[in-house]
């Protein structure tokens, strides 16, 4: 398979996953019962796994050391906040979950902006 096509697929999945994660904010507006929280947690874990795999491929394929390092820093920040969000969801605190979600969403936007082609 052509490496460029594979990377384009990774970036496309990252962007799609980002859109889906950002849409999950609506679920936080309404209070979550145990079933909703379990579903939210499961979706979060699944999307985080896809992001991890695709971002790892994009980082390892970066041609410039500077770009690789910058994307690695942004990705580490993102996964730190996603881990915090996962912990918040399992804690059951809606206000803490919303706070952590905001941090994770901002980090996710930064990663997606970094992956956007230069204008």
N, C-alpha and C. Protein backbone atom coordinates (compact mmCIF):
# COMPACT_ATOMS: atom_id res chain seq x y z
N UNK A 1 0.85 -1.17 0.00
CA UNK A 1 0.00 0.00 0.00
C UNK A 1 0.90 1.24 0.00
N UNK A 2 0.47 2.24 -0.72
CA UNK A 2 1.21 3.50 -0.80
C UNK A 2 1.19 4.18 0.57
N UNK A 3 2.38 4.56 1.04
CA UNK A 3 2.51 5.17 2.38
C UNK A 3 1.72 6.47 2.48
N UNK A 4 1.69 7.26 1.40
CA UNK A 4 0.94 8.52 1.41
C UNK A 4 -0.55 8.30 1.57
N UNK A 5 -1.07 7.27 0.93
CA UNK A 5 -2.49 6.96 1.04
C UNK A 5 -2.81 6.50 2.46
N UNK A 6 -1.92 5.70 3.03
CA UNK A 6 -2.12 5.23 4.40
C UNK A 6 -2.16 6.42 5.37
N UNK A 7 -1.24 7.36 5.20
CA UNK A 7 -1.21 8.53 6.08
C UNK A 7 -2.44 9.41 5.89
N UNK A 8 -2.89 9.55 4.65
CA UNK A 8 -4.12 10.32 4.41
C UNK A 8 -5.30 9.66 5.11
N UNK A 9 -5.34 8.32 5.09
CA UNK A 9 -6.40 7.59 5.79
C UNK A 9 -6.33 7.81 7.29
N UNK A 10 -5.11 7.80 7.83
CA UNK A 10 -4.93 8.04 9.27
C UNK A 10 -5.43 9.43 9.65
N UNK A 11 -5.03 10.43 8.87
CA UNK A 11 -5.44 11.81 9.15
C UNK A 11 -6.96 11.95 9.03
N UNK A 12 -7.53 11.29 8.04
CA UNK A 12 -8.99 11.34 7.87
C UNK A 12 -9.69 10.71 9.07
N UNK A 13 -9.21 9.56 9.55
CA UNK A 13 -9.80 8.92 10.72
C UNK A 13 -9.63 9.78 11.97
N UNK A 14 -8.48 10.43 12.10
CA UNK A 14 -8.25 11.32 13.24
C UNK A 14 -9.27 12.45 13.23
N UNK A 15 -9.48 13.05 12.07
CA UNK A 15 -10.44 14.15 11.98
C UNK A 15 -11.86 13.68 12.25
N UNK A 16 -12.23 12.52 11.71
CA UNK A 16 -13.57 11.98 11.95
C UNK A 16 -13.77 11.65 13.43
N UNK A 17 -12.76 11.08 14.03
CA UNK A 17 -12.83 10.74 15.45
C UNK A 17 -12.93 12.02 16.28
N UNK A 18 -12.21 13.05 15.87
CA UNK A 18 -12.27 14.34 16.58
C UNK A 18 -13.68 14.91 16.52
N UNK A 19 -14.28 14.87 15.35
CA UNK A 19 -15.65 15.39 15.21
C UNK A 19 -16.59 14.61 16.13
N UNK A 20 -16.45 13.30 16.14
CA UNK A 20 -17.32 12.48 16.99
C UNK A 20 -17.09 12.76 18.48
N UNK A 21 -15.83 12.93 18.87
CA UNK A 21 -15.54 13.25 20.27
C UNK A 21 -16.09 14.62 20.65
N UNK A 22 -15.97 15.58 19.75
CA UNK A 22 -16.48 16.92 20.04
C UNK A 22 -18.00 16.94 20.10
N UNK A 23 -18.64 16.05 19.36
CA UNK A 23 -20.10 15.96 19.42
C UNK A 23 -20.59 15.30 20.71
N UNK A 24 -19.71 14.60 21.39
CA UNK A 24 -20.09 13.93 22.64
C UNK A 24 -20.38 14.93 23.76
N UNK A 25 -20.01 16.19 23.56
CA UNK A 25 -20.27 17.21 24.58
C UNK A 25 -21.76 17.31 24.88
N UNK A 26 -22.57 17.11 23.86
CA UNK A 26 -24.02 17.17 24.05
C UNK A 26 -24.48 16.16 25.09
N UNK A 27 -23.81 15.02 25.15
CA UNK A 27 -24.17 13.99 26.12
C UNK A 27 -23.88 14.43 27.55
N UNK A 28 -22.93 15.35 27.71
CA UNK A 28 -22.57 15.83 29.05
C UNK A 28 -23.55 16.86 29.58
N UNK A 29 -24.25 17.52 28.66
CA UNK A 29 -25.19 18.57 29.07
C UNK A 29 -26.32 17.96 29.90
N UNK A 30 -26.77 16.81 29.48
CA UNK A 30 -27.80 16.11 30.22
C UNK A 30 -27.10 15.28 31.29
N UNK A 31 -27.72 15.17 32.43
CA UNK A 31 -27.14 14.32 33.46
C UNK A 31 -27.06 12.88 32.97
N UNK A 32 -26.02 12.18 33.37
CA UNK A 32 -25.84 10.79 32.91
C UNK A 32 -26.17 9.83 34.05
N UNK A 33 -26.95 8.82 33.72
CA UNK A 33 -27.15 7.75 34.69
C UNK A 33 -26.03 6.72 34.46
N UNK A 34 -26.05 5.63 35.18
CA UNK A 34 -24.97 4.64 35.09
C UNK A 34 -24.82 4.06 33.69
N UNK A 35 -25.94 3.77 33.03
CA UNK A 35 -25.88 3.21 31.68
C UNK A 35 -25.30 4.22 30.69
N UNK A 36 -25.73 5.48 30.80
CA UNK A 36 -25.19 6.52 29.92
C UNK A 36 -23.70 6.72 30.15
N UNK A 37 -23.30 6.70 31.40
CA UNK A 37 -21.89 6.88 31.74
C UNK A 37 -21.06 5.72 31.19
N UNK A 38 -21.57 4.50 31.29
CA UNK A 38 -20.87 3.34 30.75
C UNK A 38 -20.73 3.43 29.22
N UNK A 39 -21.79 3.85 28.57
CA UNK A 39 -21.77 4.01 27.12
C UNK A 39 -20.78 5.11 26.72
N UNK A 40 -20.83 6.24 27.41
CA UNK A 40 -19.92 7.36 27.14
C UNK A 40 -18.48 6.88 27.33
N UNK A 41 -18.21 6.16 28.41
CA UNK A 41 -16.87 5.66 28.70
C UNK A 41 -16.40 4.70 27.61
N UNK A 42 -17.28 3.81 27.18
CA UNK A 42 -16.93 2.84 26.13
C UNK A 42 -16.60 3.55 24.82
N UNK A 43 -17.42 4.52 24.43
CA UNK A 43 -17.15 5.28 23.21
C UNK A 43 -15.84 6.06 23.32
N UNK A 44 -15.61 6.64 24.47
CA UNK A 44 -14.38 7.39 24.71
C UNK A 44 -13.17 6.48 24.57
N UNK A 45 -13.22 5.29 25.15
CA UNK A 45 -12.12 4.35 25.07
C UNK A 45 -11.86 3.90 23.63
N UNK A 46 -12.92 3.62 22.90
CA UNK A 46 -12.79 3.18 21.51
C UNK A 46 -12.15 4.28 20.65
N UNK A 47 -12.66 5.48 20.77
CA UNK A 47 -12.14 6.59 19.98
C UNK A 47 -10.69 6.92 20.37
N UNK A 48 -10.39 6.82 21.65
CA UNK A 48 -9.03 7.07 22.12
C UNK A 48 -8.06 6.04 21.53
N UNK A 49 -8.50 4.81 21.42
CA UNK A 49 -7.66 3.76 20.84
C UNK A 49 -7.37 4.05 19.38
N UNK A 50 -8.40 4.41 18.62
CA UNK A 50 -8.19 4.74 17.20
C UNK A 50 -7.26 5.95 17.07
N UNK A 51 -7.47 6.95 17.90
CA UNK A 51 -6.59 8.13 17.85
C UNK A 51 -5.15 7.75 18.14
N UNK A 52 -4.94 6.92 19.14
CA UNK A 52 -3.59 6.51 19.51
C UNK A 52 -2.88 5.82 18.34
N UNK A 53 -3.55 4.88 17.73
CA UNK A 53 -2.96 4.13 16.62
C UNK A 53 -2.65 5.05 15.45
N UNK A 54 -3.63 5.86 15.04
CA UNK A 54 -3.44 6.71 13.88
C UNK A 54 -2.42 7.82 14.14
N UNK A 55 -2.45 8.42 15.32
CA UNK A 55 -1.47 9.46 15.63
C UNK A 55 -0.06 8.88 15.71
N UNK A 56 0.07 7.67 16.21
CA UNK A 56 1.38 7.02 16.24
C UNK A 56 1.94 6.82 14.84
N UNK A 57 1.08 6.42 13.93
CA UNK A 57 1.51 6.24 12.53
C UNK A 57 1.91 7.57 11.90
N UNK A 58 1.12 8.60 12.14
CA UNK A 58 1.43 9.91 11.56
C UNK A 58 2.74 10.44 12.13
N UNK A 59 2.92 10.30 13.44
CA UNK A 59 4.15 10.79 14.08
C UNK A 59 5.36 10.04 13.53
N UNK A 60 5.27 8.73 13.45
CA UNK A 60 6.43 7.95 12.99
C UNK A 60 6.74 8.21 11.53
N UNK A 61 5.77 8.69 10.77
CA UNK A 61 6.00 8.95 9.35
C UNK A 61 6.38 10.39 9.06
N UNK A 62 6.41 11.22 10.08
CA UNK A 62 6.78 12.63 9.86
C UNK A 62 8.21 12.70 9.35
N UNK A 63 8.38 13.48 8.30
CA UNK A 63 9.69 13.57 7.68
C UNK A 63 10.63 14.51 8.43
N UNK A 64 10.09 15.51 9.06
CA UNK A 64 10.93 16.48 9.76
C UNK A 64 10.93 16.20 11.26
N UNK A 65 12.13 16.25 11.84
CA UNK A 65 12.24 16.04 13.29
C UNK A 65 11.47 17.10 14.06
N UNK A 66 11.46 18.31 13.56
CA UNK A 66 10.77 19.41 14.23
C UNK A 66 9.26 19.15 14.26
N UNK A 67 8.72 18.73 13.13
CA UNK A 67 7.28 18.43 13.05
C UNK A 67 6.93 17.23 13.93
N UNK A 68 7.77 16.21 13.90
CA UNK A 68 7.55 15.02 14.72
C UNK A 68 7.53 15.39 16.20
N UNK A 69 8.48 16.21 16.62
CA UNK A 69 8.55 16.60 18.03
C UNK A 69 7.34 17.44 18.44
N UNK A 70 6.95 18.39 17.58
CA UNK A 70 5.79 19.24 17.89
C UNK A 70 4.51 18.41 17.99
N UNK A 71 4.32 17.49 17.04
CA UNK A 71 3.12 16.65 17.06
C UNK A 71 3.14 15.70 18.27
N UNK A 72 4.31 15.22 18.63
CA UNK A 72 4.43 14.35 19.80
C UNK A 72 4.02 15.10 21.06
N UNK A 73 4.47 16.33 21.20
CA UNK A 73 4.09 17.13 22.38
C UNK A 73 2.59 17.37 22.43
N UNK A 74 1.99 17.73 21.30
CA UNK A 74 0.55 17.95 21.25
C UNK A 74 -0.22 16.66 21.56
N UNK A 75 0.26 15.56 21.01
CA UNK A 75 -0.40 14.27 21.22
C UNK A 75 -0.30 13.85 22.68
N UNK A 76 0.87 14.04 23.29
CA UNK A 76 1.02 13.70 24.71
C UNK A 76 0.06 14.53 25.57
N UNK A 77 -0.07 15.80 25.24
CA UNK A 77 -1.00 16.68 25.96
C UNK A 77 -2.43 16.16 25.80
N UNK A 78 -2.79 15.81 24.57
CA UNK A 78 -4.13 15.29 24.30
C UNK A 78 -4.41 14.03 25.12
N UNK A 79 -3.48 13.09 25.10
CA UNK A 79 -3.73 11.84 25.81
C UNK A 79 -3.71 12.02 27.33
N UNK A 80 -2.98 12.98 27.80
CA UNK A 80 -3.04 13.30 29.23
C UNK A 80 -4.45 13.73 29.60
N UNK A 81 -5.02 14.67 28.80
CA UNK A 81 -6.36 15.15 29.09
C UNK A 81 -7.43 14.08 28.84
N UNK A 82 -7.22 13.21 27.86
CA UNK A 82 -8.17 12.12 27.64
C UNK A 82 -8.16 11.14 28.81
N UNK A 83 -6.98 10.91 29.37
CA UNK A 83 -6.89 10.04 30.57
C UNK A 83 -7.61 10.69 31.75
N UNK A 84 -7.42 12.00 31.91
CA UNK A 84 -8.13 12.73 32.96
C UNK A 84 -9.65 12.64 32.75
N UNK A 85 -10.07 12.76 31.50
CA UNK A 85 -11.50 12.66 31.19
C UNK A 85 -12.03 11.27 31.51
N UNK A 86 -11.28 10.25 31.18
CA UNK A 86 -11.69 8.88 31.50
C UNK A 86 -11.86 8.71 33.00
N UNK A 87 -10.91 9.23 33.76
CA UNK A 87 -11.03 9.16 35.22
C UNK A 87 -12.25 9.93 35.73
N UNK A 88 -12.50 11.08 35.13
CA UNK A 88 -13.64 11.90 35.54
C UNK A 88 -14.96 11.19 35.27
N UNK A 89 -15.05 10.55 34.11
CA UNK A 89 -16.29 9.83 33.76
C UNK A 89 -16.53 8.71 34.76
N UNK A 90 -15.49 7.98 35.12
CA UNK A 90 -15.68 6.88 36.06
C UNK A 90 -15.96 7.38 37.48
N UNK A 91 -15.57 8.63 37.77
CA UNK A 91 -15.84 9.18 39.11
C UNK A 91 -17.32 9.49 39.30
N UNK A 92 -18.01 9.75 38.20
CA UNK A 92 -19.44 10.06 38.28
C UNK A 92 -19.75 11.53 38.50
N UNK A 93 -18.74 12.37 38.65
CA UNK A 93 -18.95 13.80 38.86
C UNK A 93 -19.16 14.50 37.51
N UNK A 94 -20.38 14.98 37.27
CA UNK A 94 -20.70 15.62 35.99
C UNK A 94 -19.91 16.91 35.82
N UNK A 95 -19.78 17.71 36.88
CA UNK A 95 -19.06 18.98 36.75
C UNK A 95 -17.57 18.74 36.48
N UNK A 96 -16.97 17.75 37.13
CA UNK A 96 -15.57 17.42 36.89
C UNK A 96 -15.39 16.86 35.48
N UNK A 97 -16.34 16.05 35.05
CA UNK A 97 -16.29 15.48 33.70
C UNK A 97 -16.36 16.60 32.66
N UNK A 98 -17.24 17.57 32.87
CA UNK A 98 -17.35 18.68 31.92
C UNK A 98 -16.05 19.49 31.87
N UNK A 99 -15.44 19.71 33.00
CA UNK A 99 -14.18 20.45 33.06
C UNK A 99 -13.09 19.69 32.29
N UNK A 100 -12.96 18.41 32.55
CA UNK A 100 -11.95 17.59 31.87
C UNK A 100 -12.25 17.47 30.38
N UNK A 101 -13.54 17.40 30.05
CA UNK A 101 -13.92 17.33 28.63
C UNK A 101 -13.47 18.60 27.91
N UNK A 102 -13.64 19.76 28.53
CA UNK A 102 -13.23 21.01 27.91
C UNK A 102 -11.73 21.04 27.62
N UNK A 103 -10.93 20.55 28.58
CA UNK A 103 -9.47 20.48 28.38
C UNK A 103 -9.12 19.53 27.24
N UNK A 104 -9.76 18.36 27.23
CA UNK A 104 -9.49 17.37 26.19
C UNK A 104 -9.93 17.88 24.82
N UNK A 105 -11.07 18.54 24.76
CA UNK A 105 -11.57 19.08 23.49
C UNK A 105 -10.62 20.14 22.93
N UNK A 106 -10.09 21.00 23.79
CA UNK A 106 -9.16 22.03 23.34
C UNK A 106 -7.87 21.38 22.81
N UNK A 107 -7.35 20.39 23.52
CA UNK A 107 -6.14 19.69 23.07
C UNK A 107 -6.39 18.98 21.74
N UNK A 108 -7.58 18.41 21.58
CA UNK A 108 -7.94 17.73 20.35
C UNK A 108 -8.00 18.72 19.19
N UNK A 109 -8.58 19.88 19.43
CA UNK A 109 -8.62 20.92 18.38
C UNK A 109 -7.22 21.34 17.96
N UNK A 110 -6.30 21.42 18.92
CA UNK A 110 -4.91 21.79 18.61
C UNK A 110 -4.24 20.74 17.73
N UNK A 111 -4.48 19.47 18.02
CA UNK A 111 -3.90 18.40 17.22
C UNK A 111 -4.46 18.45 15.80
N UNK A 112 -5.78 18.58 15.68
CA UNK A 112 -6.40 18.62 14.35
C UNK A 112 -5.91 19.83 13.56
N UNK A 113 -5.78 20.98 14.22
CA UNK A 113 -5.28 22.17 13.54
C UNK A 113 -3.85 21.96 13.05
N UNK A 114 -3.05 21.28 13.85
CA UNK A 114 -1.66 21.00 13.47
C UNK A 114 -1.61 20.10 12.24
N UNK A 115 -2.55 19.15 12.14
CA UNK A 115 -2.55 18.22 11.03
C UNK A 115 -3.14 18.82 9.75
N UNK A 116 -3.82 19.95 9.89
CA UNK A 116 -4.39 20.59 8.69
C UNK A 116 -3.28 21.02 7.75
N UNK A 117 -3.50 20.85 6.46
CA UNK A 117 -2.47 21.25 5.50
C UNK A 117 -2.21 22.76 5.60
N UNK A 118 -0.95 23.17 5.45
CA UNK A 118 -0.65 24.61 5.53
C UNK A 118 -1.33 25.37 4.40
N UNK A 119 -1.81 26.54 4.73
CA UNK A 119 -2.54 27.37 3.76
C UNK A 119 -1.60 28.23 2.97
